[in-house]
N, C-alpha and C. Protein backbone atom coordinates (compact mmCIF):
# COMPACT_ATOMS: atom_id res chain seq x y z
N MET A 1 -0.20 178.06 141.89
CA MET A 1 -0.09 179.34 141.22
C MET A 1 0.98 179.26 140.11
N GLN A 2 0.64 179.83 138.97
CA GLN A 2 1.57 179.81 137.84
C GLN A 2 2.69 180.82 138.03
N SER A 3 3.90 180.39 137.69
CA SER A 3 5.00 181.34 137.70
C SER A 3 4.92 182.18 136.44
N LYS A 4 5.62 183.28 136.44
CA LYS A 4 5.64 184.18 135.29
C LYS A 4 6.20 183.44 134.06
N GLN A 5 7.26 182.65 134.23
CA GLN A 5 7.84 181.94 133.10
C GLN A 5 6.90 180.86 132.56
N THR A 6 6.17 180.19 133.44
CA THR A 6 5.19 179.19 133.01
C THR A 6 4.14 179.87 132.15
N GLU A 7 3.65 180.96 132.62
CA GLU A 7 2.63 181.73 131.90
C GLU A 7 3.17 182.19 130.53
N GLN A 8 4.40 182.67 130.51
CA GLN A 8 4.99 183.14 129.26
C GLN A 8 5.18 182.00 128.26
N LEU A 9 5.64 180.85 128.73
CA LEU A 9 5.85 179.70 127.84
C LEU A 9 4.53 179.25 127.23
N VAL A 10 3.53 179.05 128.07
CA VAL A 10 2.23 178.59 127.59
C VAL A 10 1.63 179.60 126.61
N GLU A 11 1.72 180.87 126.95
CA GLU A 11 1.16 181.92 126.09
C GLU A 11 1.87 181.92 124.73
N ARG A 12 3.16 181.78 124.72
CA ARG A 12 3.93 181.80 123.46
C ARG A 12 3.61 180.58 122.60
N ILE A 13 3.48 179.43 123.22
CA ILE A 13 3.14 178.22 122.47
C ILE A 13 1.77 178.36 121.83
N PHE A 14 0.78 178.82 122.60
CA PHE A 14 -0.57 178.99 122.05
C PHE A 14 -0.59 180.06 120.96
N ARG A 15 0.12 181.15 121.18
CA ARG A 15 0.15 182.24 120.21
C ARG A 15 0.79 181.76 118.90
N PHE A 16 1.90 181.06 119.01
CA PHE A 16 2.59 180.52 117.84
C PHE A 16 1.70 179.54 117.10
N ASN A 17 1.08 178.62 117.84
CA ASN A 17 0.22 177.61 117.25
C ASN A 17 -0.96 178.25 116.50
N LYS A 18 -1.59 179.23 117.11
CA LYS A 18 -2.73 179.90 116.49
C LYS A 18 -2.31 180.60 115.20
N LEU A 19 -1.18 181.29 115.23
CA LEU A 19 -0.71 181.99 114.04
C LEU A 19 -0.35 181.02 112.92
N MET A 20 0.28 179.91 113.26
CA MET A 20 0.64 178.92 112.24
C MET A 20 -0.62 178.29 111.64
N HIS A 21 -1.63 178.00 112.46
CA HIS A 21 -2.88 177.45 111.94
C HIS A 21 -3.57 178.46 111.03
N THR A 22 -3.54 179.73 111.41
CA THR A 22 -4.13 180.78 110.58
C THR A 22 -3.42 180.85 109.23
N GLN A 23 -2.10 180.79 109.26
CA GLN A 23 -1.31 180.84 108.02
C GLN A 23 -1.60 179.62 107.16
N MET A 24 -1.67 178.45 107.77
CA MET A 24 -1.95 177.23 107.02
C MET A 24 -3.33 177.30 106.36
N ALA A 25 -4.30 177.84 107.08
CA ALA A 25 -5.66 177.96 106.54
C ALA A 25 -5.69 178.88 105.33
N GLN A 26 -4.85 179.91 105.32
CA GLN A 26 -4.80 180.83 104.19
C GLN A 26 -4.13 180.18 102.98
N MET A 27 -3.27 179.20 103.19
CA MET A 27 -2.55 178.55 102.10
C MET A 27 -3.37 177.46 101.42
N SER A 28 -4.42 176.98 102.05
CA SER A 28 -5.12 175.83 101.51
C SER A 28 -6.59 175.85 101.92
N ASP A 29 -7.38 175.08 101.18
CA ASP A 29 -8.78 174.92 101.56
C ASP A 29 -8.99 173.74 102.49
N CYS A 30 -7.90 173.16 102.94
CA CYS A 30 -7.94 172.06 103.92
C CYS A 30 -7.69 172.62 105.32
N SER A 31 -8.16 171.91 106.30
CA SER A 31 -7.86 172.27 107.69
C SER A 31 -6.41 171.88 107.99
N PRO A 32 -5.80 172.47 109.01
CA PRO A 32 -4.44 172.07 109.38
C PRO A 32 -4.33 170.56 109.65
N GLY A 33 -5.35 169.98 110.27
CA GLY A 33 -5.33 168.54 110.53
C GLY A 33 -5.34 167.72 109.26
N GLU A 34 -6.13 168.15 108.28
CA GLU A 34 -6.18 167.45 107.01
C GLU A 34 -4.83 167.55 106.30
N LEU A 35 -4.24 168.73 106.33
CA LEU A 35 -2.94 168.92 105.69
C LEU A 35 -1.86 168.07 106.35
N LYS A 36 -1.90 168.01 107.68
CA LYS A 36 -0.93 167.20 108.42
C LYS A 36 -1.09 165.72 108.04
N MET A 37 -2.33 165.27 107.98
CA MET A 37 -2.60 163.87 107.64
C MET A 37 -2.18 163.57 106.20
N LEU A 38 -2.53 164.44 105.27
CA LEU A 38 -2.18 164.24 103.86
C LEU A 38 -0.67 164.24 103.68
N GLY A 39 0.01 165.14 104.37
CA GLY A 39 1.47 165.18 104.31
C GLY A 39 2.09 163.93 104.89
N ALA A 40 1.55 163.45 106.00
CA ALA A 40 2.08 162.23 106.63
C ALA A 40 1.90 161.03 105.71
N ILE A 41 0.75 160.97 105.04
CA ILE A 41 0.50 159.85 104.13
C ILE A 41 1.48 159.88 102.97
N THR A 42 1.61 161.05 102.32
CA THR A 42 2.51 161.14 101.16
C THR A 42 3.95 160.87 101.57
N ASN A 43 4.37 161.40 102.72
CA ASN A 43 5.75 161.15 103.19
C ASN A 43 5.99 159.68 103.48
N ALA A 44 5.03 159.03 104.13
CA ALA A 44 5.18 157.61 104.47
C ALA A 44 5.22 156.74 103.22
N ILE A 45 4.36 157.05 102.25
CA ILE A 45 4.34 156.29 101.01
C ILE A 45 5.64 156.49 100.25
N ASP A 46 6.11 157.73 100.18
CA ASP A 46 7.38 158.01 99.50
C ASP A 46 8.54 157.27 100.16
N LYS A 47 8.54 157.25 101.49
CA LYS A 47 9.60 156.57 102.23
C LYS A 47 9.56 155.06 101.97
N GLN A 48 8.36 154.49 101.96
CA GLN A 48 8.22 153.06 101.67
C GLN A 48 8.76 152.73 100.29
N LYS A 49 8.45 153.58 99.31
CA LYS A 49 8.92 153.34 97.94
C LYS A 49 10.44 153.42 97.87
N GLU A 50 11.02 154.40 98.57
CA GLU A 50 12.48 154.54 98.61
C GLU A 50 13.14 153.30 99.20
N GLU A 51 12.46 152.68 100.16
CA GLU A 51 12.99 151.48 100.82
C GLU A 51 12.70 150.21 100.02
N GLY A 52 12.05 150.36 98.87
CA GLY A 52 11.79 149.21 98.01
C GLY A 52 10.53 148.43 98.32
N SER A 53 9.66 148.99 99.12
CA SER A 53 8.43 148.30 99.49
C SER A 53 7.47 148.22 98.30
N ASP A 54 6.74 147.11 98.20
CA ASP A 54 5.75 146.98 97.14
C ASP A 54 4.32 147.05 97.71
N LEU A 55 4.20 147.55 98.94
CA LEU A 55 2.87 147.72 99.53
C LEU A 55 2.10 148.77 98.74
N PRO A 56 0.77 148.61 98.63
CA PRO A 56 -0.02 149.55 97.84
C PRO A 56 -0.23 150.91 98.52
N GLY A 57 0.16 151.04 99.76
CA GLY A 57 -0.01 152.29 100.51
C GLY A 57 0.49 152.08 101.93
N ILE A 58 0.04 152.94 102.82
CA ILE A 58 0.41 152.81 104.23
C ILE A 58 -0.80 152.31 104.99
N SER A 59 -0.57 151.46 105.97
CA SER A 59 -1.69 150.95 106.74
C SER A 59 -2.22 152.05 107.66
N ALA A 60 -3.51 151.99 107.91
CA ALA A 60 -4.15 152.98 108.77
C ALA A 60 -3.57 152.92 110.19
N SER A 61 -3.26 151.72 110.66
CA SER A 61 -2.71 151.60 112.02
C SER A 61 -1.31 152.20 112.11
N LYS A 62 -0.50 152.00 111.07
CA LYS A 62 0.84 152.60 111.05
C LYS A 62 0.73 154.12 111.01
N LEU A 63 -0.22 154.62 110.26
CA LEU A 63 -0.44 156.06 110.17
C LEU A 63 -0.82 156.63 111.54
N SER A 64 -1.66 155.93 112.29
CA SER A 64 -2.03 156.35 113.64
C SER A 64 -0.80 156.48 114.53
N LYS A 65 0.11 155.51 114.42
CA LYS A 65 1.33 155.53 115.22
C LYS A 65 2.24 156.69 114.83
N ILE A 66 2.39 156.91 113.52
CA ILE A 66 3.25 157.99 113.05
C ILE A 66 2.77 159.34 113.59
N LEU A 67 1.46 159.56 113.52
CA LEU A 67 0.89 160.85 113.93
C LEU A 67 0.59 160.92 115.43
N MET A 68 0.71 159.77 116.10
CA MET A 68 0.38 159.69 117.52
C MET A 68 -1.07 160.11 117.77
N HIS A 69 -1.95 159.62 116.89
CA HIS A 69 -3.38 159.86 117.01
C HIS A 69 -4.06 158.54 117.37
N SER A 70 -5.23 158.64 117.97
CA SER A 70 -6.00 157.43 118.23
C SER A 70 -6.51 156.88 116.90
N LYS A 71 -6.84 155.61 116.89
CA LYS A 71 -7.36 155.00 115.66
C LYS A 71 -8.69 155.65 115.24
N PRO A 72 -9.60 155.95 116.18
CA PRO A 72 -10.85 156.63 115.76
C PRO A 72 -10.59 158.03 115.17
N ALA A 73 -9.64 158.77 115.75
CA ALA A 73 -9.33 160.11 115.22
C ALA A 73 -8.72 160.00 113.82
N THR A 74 -7.85 159.02 113.63
CA THR A 74 -7.25 158.80 112.31
C THR A 74 -8.32 158.41 111.31
N SER A 75 -9.20 157.51 111.70
CA SER A 75 -10.26 157.06 110.80
C SER A 75 -11.18 158.22 110.40
N LYS A 76 -11.50 159.06 111.34
CA LYS A 76 -12.37 160.21 111.06
C LYS A 76 -11.71 161.14 110.02
N MET A 77 -10.42 161.42 110.20
CA MET A 77 -9.72 162.29 109.26
C MET A 77 -9.59 161.62 107.89
N LEU A 78 -9.35 160.32 107.89
CA LEU A 78 -9.26 159.60 106.62
C LEU A 78 -10.60 159.65 105.87
N ASN A 79 -11.70 159.57 106.60
CA ASN A 79 -13.02 159.67 105.98
C ASN A 79 -13.19 161.02 105.28
N ILE A 80 -12.75 162.08 105.94
CA ILE A 80 -12.86 163.42 105.37
C ILE A 80 -12.02 163.51 104.09
N LEU A 81 -10.77 163.03 104.16
CA LEU A 81 -9.89 163.08 102.99
C LEU A 81 -10.41 162.21 101.85
N GLU A 82 -11.04 161.10 102.21
CA GLU A 82 -11.61 160.23 101.18
C GLU A 82 -12.81 160.91 100.50
N GLU A 83 -13.65 161.57 101.30
CA GLU A 83 -14.79 162.29 100.74
C GLU A 83 -14.35 163.40 99.79
N LYS A 84 -13.21 164.03 100.08
CA LYS A 84 -12.69 165.10 99.23
C LYS A 84 -11.94 164.57 98.01
N GLY A 85 -11.77 163.25 97.95
CA GLY A 85 -11.09 162.64 96.81
C GLY A 85 -9.58 162.71 96.89
N ASP A 86 -9.02 162.92 98.09
CA ASP A 86 -7.57 163.04 98.26
C ASP A 86 -6.89 161.70 98.52
N ILE A 87 -7.63 160.76 99.06
CA ILE A 87 -7.07 159.43 99.35
C ILE A 87 -8.04 158.35 98.91
N GLU A 88 -7.53 157.13 98.85
CA GLU A 88 -8.35 155.95 98.61
C GLU A 88 -7.95 154.87 99.61
N ARG A 89 -8.90 154.05 99.97
CA ARG A 89 -8.61 152.90 100.83
C ARG A 89 -8.51 151.66 99.93
N ILE A 90 -7.48 150.88 100.17
CA ILE A 90 -7.29 149.63 99.43
C ILE A 90 -7.31 148.50 100.46
N TYR A 91 -8.24 147.57 100.28
CA TYR A 91 -8.37 146.47 101.23
C TYR A 91 -7.49 145.30 100.79
N SER A 92 -6.77 144.75 101.74
CA SER A 92 -5.88 143.63 101.46
C SER A 92 -6.69 142.43 100.98
N LYS A 93 -6.17 141.76 99.96
CA LYS A 93 -6.84 140.55 99.46
C LYS A 93 -6.64 139.39 100.42
N LEU A 94 -5.55 139.44 101.20
CA LEU A 94 -5.25 138.36 102.13
C LEU A 94 -6.02 138.50 103.44
N ASP A 95 -6.23 139.73 103.88
CA ASP A 95 -6.88 139.98 105.16
C ASP A 95 -7.71 141.25 105.04
N ARG A 96 -9.03 141.12 104.93
CA ARG A 96 -9.91 142.28 104.72
C ARG A 96 -9.84 143.29 105.87
N ARG A 97 -9.30 142.88 107.01
CA ARG A 97 -9.17 143.82 108.13
C ARG A 97 -8.02 144.80 107.92
N THR A 98 -7.10 144.43 107.02
CA THR A 98 -5.95 145.28 106.73
C THR A 98 -6.33 146.26 105.62
N VAL A 99 -6.21 147.54 105.93
CA VAL A 99 -6.56 148.59 104.98
C VAL A 99 -5.32 149.43 104.71
N PHE A 100 -5.04 149.62 103.44
CA PHE A 100 -3.94 150.49 103.03
C PHE A 100 -4.52 151.80 102.52
N ILE A 101 -3.83 152.87 102.84
CA ILE A 101 -4.24 154.20 102.41
C ILE A 101 -3.28 154.64 101.32
N THR A 102 -3.83 155.11 100.22
CA THR A 102 -3.01 155.64 99.14
C THR A 102 -3.53 157.02 98.76
N VAL A 103 -2.70 157.80 98.13
CA VAL A 103 -3.05 159.17 97.77
C VAL A 103 -3.47 159.20 96.31
N THR A 104 -4.56 159.88 96.05
CA THR A 104 -5.01 160.05 94.67
C THR A 104 -4.16 161.12 93.99
N GLU A 105 -4.32 161.24 92.70
CA GLU A 105 -3.59 162.29 91.97
C GLU A 105 -3.96 163.66 92.52
N ASN A 106 -5.24 163.87 92.80
CA ASN A 106 -5.70 165.13 93.38
C ASN A 106 -5.05 165.38 94.74
N GLY A 107 -5.00 164.35 95.57
CA GLY A 107 -4.38 164.48 96.89
C GLY A 107 -2.90 164.77 96.80
N ARG A 108 -2.22 164.11 95.87
CA ARG A 108 -0.78 164.34 95.69
C ARG A 108 -0.53 165.78 95.25
N GLU A 109 -1.35 166.27 94.32
CA GLU A 109 -1.20 167.66 93.86
C GLU A 109 -1.39 168.65 95.01
N ARG A 110 -2.41 168.41 95.83
CA ARG A 110 -2.67 169.30 96.97
C ARG A 110 -1.52 169.25 97.98
N ALA A 111 -1.03 168.06 98.25
CA ALA A 111 0.07 167.91 99.20
C ALA A 111 1.34 168.57 98.67
N ASP A 112 1.63 168.36 97.38
CA ASP A 112 2.83 168.96 96.79
C ASP A 112 2.74 170.48 96.76
N GLN A 113 1.57 171.00 96.41
CA GLN A 113 1.38 172.45 96.37
C GLN A 113 1.56 173.05 97.77
N PHE A 114 0.95 172.41 98.76
CA PHE A 114 1.07 172.92 100.12
C PHE A 114 2.52 172.85 100.60
N ARG A 115 3.22 171.76 100.26
CA ARG A 115 4.62 171.61 100.65
C ARG A 115 5.47 172.73 100.03
N GLU A 116 5.23 173.03 98.77
CA GLU A 116 5.98 174.11 98.10
C GLU A 116 5.72 175.46 98.77
N GLU A 117 4.45 175.75 99.05
CA GLU A 117 4.09 177.02 99.69
C GLU A 117 4.67 177.10 101.11
N THR A 118 4.62 175.99 101.81
CA THR A 118 5.17 175.96 103.17
C THR A 118 6.68 176.14 103.15
N ASP A 119 7.35 175.48 102.22
CA ASP A 119 8.81 175.63 102.11
C ASP A 119 9.19 177.08 101.83
N ALA A 120 8.48 177.72 100.91
CA ALA A 120 8.78 179.12 100.57
C ALA A 120 8.55 180.02 101.78
N TYR A 121 7.45 179.79 102.48
CA TYR A 121 7.13 180.59 103.67
C TYR A 121 8.18 180.38 104.77
N THR A 122 8.54 179.13 104.98
CA THR A 122 9.54 178.80 106.00
C THR A 122 10.89 179.41 105.66
N ASN A 123 11.26 179.38 104.41
CA ASN A 123 12.53 179.99 103.99
C ASN A 123 12.54 181.49 104.27
N GLN A 124 11.40 182.15 104.08
CA GLN A 124 11.31 183.58 104.40
C GLN A 124 11.53 183.81 105.89
N ILE A 125 10.95 182.95 106.70
CA ILE A 125 11.10 183.07 108.15
C ILE A 125 12.56 182.90 108.54
N LEU A 126 13.20 181.84 108.02
CA LEU A 126 14.59 181.56 108.37
C LEU A 126 15.53 182.65 107.87
N GLU A 127 15.26 183.21 106.72
CA GLU A 127 16.08 184.32 106.22
C GLU A 127 16.02 185.51 107.17
N ARG A 128 14.82 185.85 107.61
CA ARG A 128 14.66 186.99 108.50
C ARG A 128 15.26 186.73 109.88
N LEU A 129 15.19 185.48 110.31
CA LEU A 129 15.72 185.13 111.63
C LEU A 129 17.25 185.11 111.62
N GLY A 130 17.83 184.69 110.53
CA GLY A 130 19.29 184.62 110.43
C GLY A 130 19.80 183.28 110.94
N GLU A 131 21.02 182.96 110.49
CA GLU A 131 21.59 181.64 110.78
C GLU A 131 21.84 181.42 112.27
N GLU A 132 22.40 182.40 112.95
CA GLU A 132 22.73 182.23 114.37
C GLU A 132 21.48 182.01 115.21
N LYS A 133 20.48 182.86 115.03
CA LYS A 133 19.25 182.71 115.82
C LYS A 133 18.50 181.43 115.43
N THR A 134 18.58 181.06 114.15
CA THR A 134 17.94 179.82 113.72
C THR A 134 18.55 178.63 114.43
N ASN A 135 19.88 178.58 114.49
CA ASN A 135 20.56 177.47 115.17
C ASN A 135 20.24 177.46 116.66
N GLN A 136 20.18 178.64 117.29
CA GLN A 136 19.81 178.72 118.71
C GLN A 136 18.39 178.21 118.91
N MET A 137 17.49 178.60 118.01
CA MET A 137 16.10 178.16 118.10
C MET A 137 16.03 176.64 118.01
N PHE A 138 16.77 176.05 117.05
CA PHE A 138 16.76 174.60 116.90
C PHE A 138 17.27 173.91 118.16
N GLU A 139 18.32 174.44 118.74
CA GLU A 139 18.87 173.86 119.98
C GLU A 139 17.83 173.91 121.09
N CYS A 140 17.18 175.05 121.24
CA CYS A 140 16.16 175.20 122.29
C CYS A 140 14.97 174.29 122.04
N MET A 141 14.54 174.21 120.79
CA MET A 141 13.40 173.36 120.46
C MET A 141 13.73 171.89 120.69
N ASP A 142 14.95 171.47 120.32
CA ASP A 142 15.36 170.08 120.56
C ASP A 142 15.40 169.77 122.05
N ALA A 143 15.93 170.70 122.83
CA ALA A 143 15.99 170.51 124.28
C ALA A 143 14.59 170.43 124.88
N LEU A 144 13.70 171.32 124.44
CA LEU A 144 12.32 171.32 124.92
C LEU A 144 11.63 170.01 124.56
N TYR A 145 11.83 169.54 123.33
CA TYR A 145 11.24 168.29 122.89
C TYR A 145 11.71 167.13 123.77
N GLU A 146 13.00 167.06 124.03
CA GLU A 146 13.54 165.96 124.84
C GLU A 146 12.97 165.99 126.26
N ILE A 147 12.83 167.17 126.83
CA ILE A 147 12.27 167.29 128.18
C ILE A 147 10.81 166.84 128.18
N ILE A 148 10.04 167.30 127.21
CA ILE A 148 8.63 166.92 127.13
C ILE A 148 8.49 165.41 126.92
N LYS A 149 9.35 164.86 126.07
CA LYS A 149 9.34 163.41 125.81
C LYS A 149 9.64 162.63 127.08
N GLU A 150 10.67 163.05 127.83
CA GLU A 150 11.02 162.38 129.09
C GLU A 150 9.87 162.45 130.08
N LEU A 151 9.27 163.63 130.22
CA LEU A 151 8.14 163.78 131.15
C LEU A 151 6.97 162.91 130.72
N HIS A 152 6.72 162.83 129.44
CA HIS A 152 5.65 161.98 128.93
C HIS A 152 5.92 160.52 129.27
N GLU A 153 7.14 160.07 129.01
CA GLU A 153 7.49 158.67 129.30
C GLU A 153 7.39 158.38 130.79
N GLU A 154 7.80 159.33 131.62
CA GLU A 154 7.67 159.16 133.08
C GLU A 154 6.21 159.04 133.48
N ASN A 155 5.35 159.86 132.88
CA ASN A 155 3.92 159.82 133.21
C ASN A 155 3.28 158.52 132.74
N VAL A 156 3.71 158.03 131.57
CA VAL A 156 3.18 156.77 131.06
C VAL A 156 3.58 155.64 132.01
N SER A 157 4.84 155.67 132.46
CA SER A 157 5.32 154.64 133.40
C SER A 157 4.54 154.67 134.70
N LYS A 158 4.30 155.86 135.24
CA LYS A 158 3.54 156.00 136.49
C LYS A 158 2.12 155.46 136.33
N ASN A 159 1.51 155.76 135.20
CA ASN A 159 0.12 155.35 134.97
C ASN A 159 -0.03 153.85 134.75
N LYS A 160 1.05 153.18 134.34
CA LYS A 160 1.01 151.73 134.16
C LYS A 160 1.09 150.98 135.47
N LYS A 161 1.64 151.66 136.50
CA LYS A 161 1.82 150.99 137.81
C LYS A 161 0.58 150.93 138.60
């Protein structure tokens, strides 16, 4: 039987998630998953460039790890983004099995526009919440993340045995 607090936590997470997905859908013609993938690609490529990498993009397998998605799920989303003209696949000349993902000009524009809109929206939220409640929220979210991460690692360990 669920406790009242368990019910409240689950309900709040689902309610928050649904509202954020609704807001994201209003900001773009992409699905939340597409936006998350496009953002992850642009962030990873930007980070590689900052670190001095000369790779033509990010590998699909590295992208799967960053997003914690299965390779088939990543591939499916990449196919959608490629069909929309947001990304391109570049095959390694040394090893055709290695595929790099790069963002097209169209994809970069969409990612940058969404990032700007998201930043403005998030700033409005934080302004209304105030500094004290924002810091409390961050502390609670960090604590929740660490607990979920520990439980996940414990479950992975149990399943390996």
